[in-house]
Protein backbone atom coordinates (compact mmCIF):
# COMPACT_ATOMS: atom_id res chain seq x y z
CA MET A 1 -3.32 -25.35 65.64
CA SER A 2 -0.41 -23.58 67.06
CA ARG A 3 0.17 -19.69 66.36
CA ALA A 4 3.47 -20.56 64.31
CA TYR A 5 1.22 -22.76 61.97
CA VAL A 6 -1.37 -19.97 61.62
CA PHE A 7 1.51 -17.77 60.26
CA LEU A 8 2.99 -20.69 58.13
CA TRP A 9 -0.31 -21.40 56.35
CA SER A 10 -1.01 -17.54 56.07
CA GLY A 11 2.36 -17.00 54.39
CA ILE A 12 1.66 -19.65 51.97
CA VAL A 13 -1.70 -18.25 51.05
CA ILE A 14 -0.20 -14.52 50.86
CA GLY A 15 2.61 -15.96 48.47
CA VAL A 16 0.02 -17.72 46.18
CA GLY A 17 -1.45 -14.32 45.97
CA GLY A 18 1.85 -12.84 45.07
CA GLN A 19 2.42 -15.37 42.55
CA LEU A 20 -0.89 -14.89 40.84
CA MET A 21 -0.27 -10.91 40.69
CA LEU A 22 3.17 -11.28 39.31
CA LYS A 23 1.65 -13.58 36.57
CA ALA A 24 -0.99 -11.04 36.08
CA GLY A 25 1.68 -8.32 35.69
CA ALA A 26 3.45 -10.72 33.07
CA GLY A 27 0.93 -9.51 30.38
CA ALA A 28 2.73 -6.04 30.08
CA PRO A 29 4.05 -5.29 26.56
CA ASP A 30 7.67 -5.17 27.74
CA PHE A 31 9.86 -5.98 30.78
CA LEU A 32 10.09 -2.38 32.44
CA SER A 33 6.21 -2.09 31.94
CA GLN A 34 5.97 -5.55 33.61
CA VAL A 35 8.26 -4.37 36.54
CA LEU A 36 6.40 -1.17 37.02
CA SER A 37 2.87 -2.58 36.57
CA PRO A 38 0.72 -2.08 39.75
CA ALA A 39 -0.12 -5.98 39.56
CA THR A 40 3.79 -6.81 39.80
CA LEU A 41 4.19 -4.39 42.52
CA VAL A 42 1.28 -5.76 44.61
CA GLY A 43 2.80 -9.08 43.94
CA LEU A 44 6.25 -8.09 45.22
CA LEU A 45 4.59 -6.61 48.24
CA LEU A 46 2.65 -9.73 49.06
CA TYR A 47 5.78 -11.75 48.72
CA VAL A 48 7.39 -9.40 51.49
CA GLY A 49 4.18 -10.23 53.60
CA ALA A 50 4.62 -13.92 52.89
CA THR A 51 8.11 -13.73 53.97
CA LEU A 52 7.49 -11.95 57.18
CA ALA A 53 4.94 -14.42 58.15
CA TYR A 54 7.32 -17.31 57.40
CA LEU A 55 9.81 -15.63 59.70
CA ILE A 56 7.56 -15.79 62.47
CA ALA A 57 6.44 -19.36 61.91
CA ILE A 58 10.29 -20.71 61.87
CA ARG A 59 10.61 -19.49 65.11
CA GLU A 60 8.82 -22.32 66.40
CA ILE A 61 8.41 -24.91 63.58
CA PRO A 62 11.51 -26.79 62.58
CA ILE A 63 12.69 -25.70 59.11
CA ALA A 64 12.73 -29.39 57.95
CA VAL A 65 8.79 -29.25 58.29
CA ALA A 66 8.28 -25.46 57.55
CA PHE A 67 10.15 -25.05 54.35
CA PRO A 68 8.68 -28.27 52.52
CA SER A 69 5.30 -27.19 53.67
CA ILE A 70 5.49 -24.28 51.32
CA ALA A 71 5.26 -27.00 48.47
CA VAL A 72 1.54 -26.66 49.11
CA SER A 73 1.65 -23.51 47.23
CA TYR A 74 2.83 -25.48 43.98
CA VAL A 75 -0.38 -27.40 44.08
CA VAL A 76 -2.63 -24.39 44.70
CA ILE A 77 -0.82 -22.60 41.90
CA LEU A 78 -1.11 -25.42 39.59
CA ALA A 79 -4.88 -25.50 39.94
CA LEU A 80 -5.16 -21.69 39.87
CA GLY A 81 -3.06 -21.61 36.67
CA VAL A 82 -5.32 -23.92 34.84
CA ILE A 83 -8.53 -22.28 36.16
CA VAL A 84 -7.52 -18.60 35.85
CA PHE A 85 -4.87 -18.49 33.20
CA GLY A 86 -5.97 -21.51 31.04
CA GLU A 87 -2.64 -23.33 31.51
CA SER A 88 -2.46 -27.24 30.68
CA LEU A 89 -3.07 -30.03 33.10
CA THR A 90 -1.28 -33.08 32.30
CA VAL A 91 -1.05 -36.58 33.97
CA GLY A 92 2.63 -35.84 35.07
CA LYS A 93 1.40 -32.65 36.70
CA VAL A 94 -1.36 -34.42 38.63
CA ILE A 95 1.11 -37.28 39.79
CA GLY A 96 3.50 -34.68 40.85
CA THR A 97 0.80 -32.84 42.88
CA VAL A 98 -0.35 -36.04 44.58
CA LEU A 99 3.15 -36.66 45.48
CA ILE A 100 3.82 -33.18 46.77
CA LEU A 101 0.64 -33.40 48.98
CA GLY A 102 1.73 -36.80 50.41
CA GLY A 103 5.22 -35.48 51.34
CA VAL A 104 3.73 -32.36 53.05
CA TRP A 105 1.23 -34.22 54.98
CA THR A 106 3.75 -36.80 56.05
CA LEU A 107 6.11 -33.97 57.16
CA ASN A 108 3.30 -32.35 59.17
CA ARG A 109 2.33 -35.45 61.09
């Protein structure tokens, strides 16, 4: 795997962490508390890190491959939303997840 793909997949993982932290911060009682909560601030910082990793990745990976690859994060977030936050898993979400994974796999071949 090339260095660029390491940055792409690292950025995806970091972005997932950021999304989880933003969701954790959403438990605050009001919007201002949510924005200022440590979880939200860490989530935003992780998104900055994910963006920097992505910027490095797209120097070598075609954008038509790199950007759709980020869709893998949707699959991971779906699973973690169910496991960590008790969100629902429907047949439609499973079908969509399979389609996303198939598309990302096809693009990266």
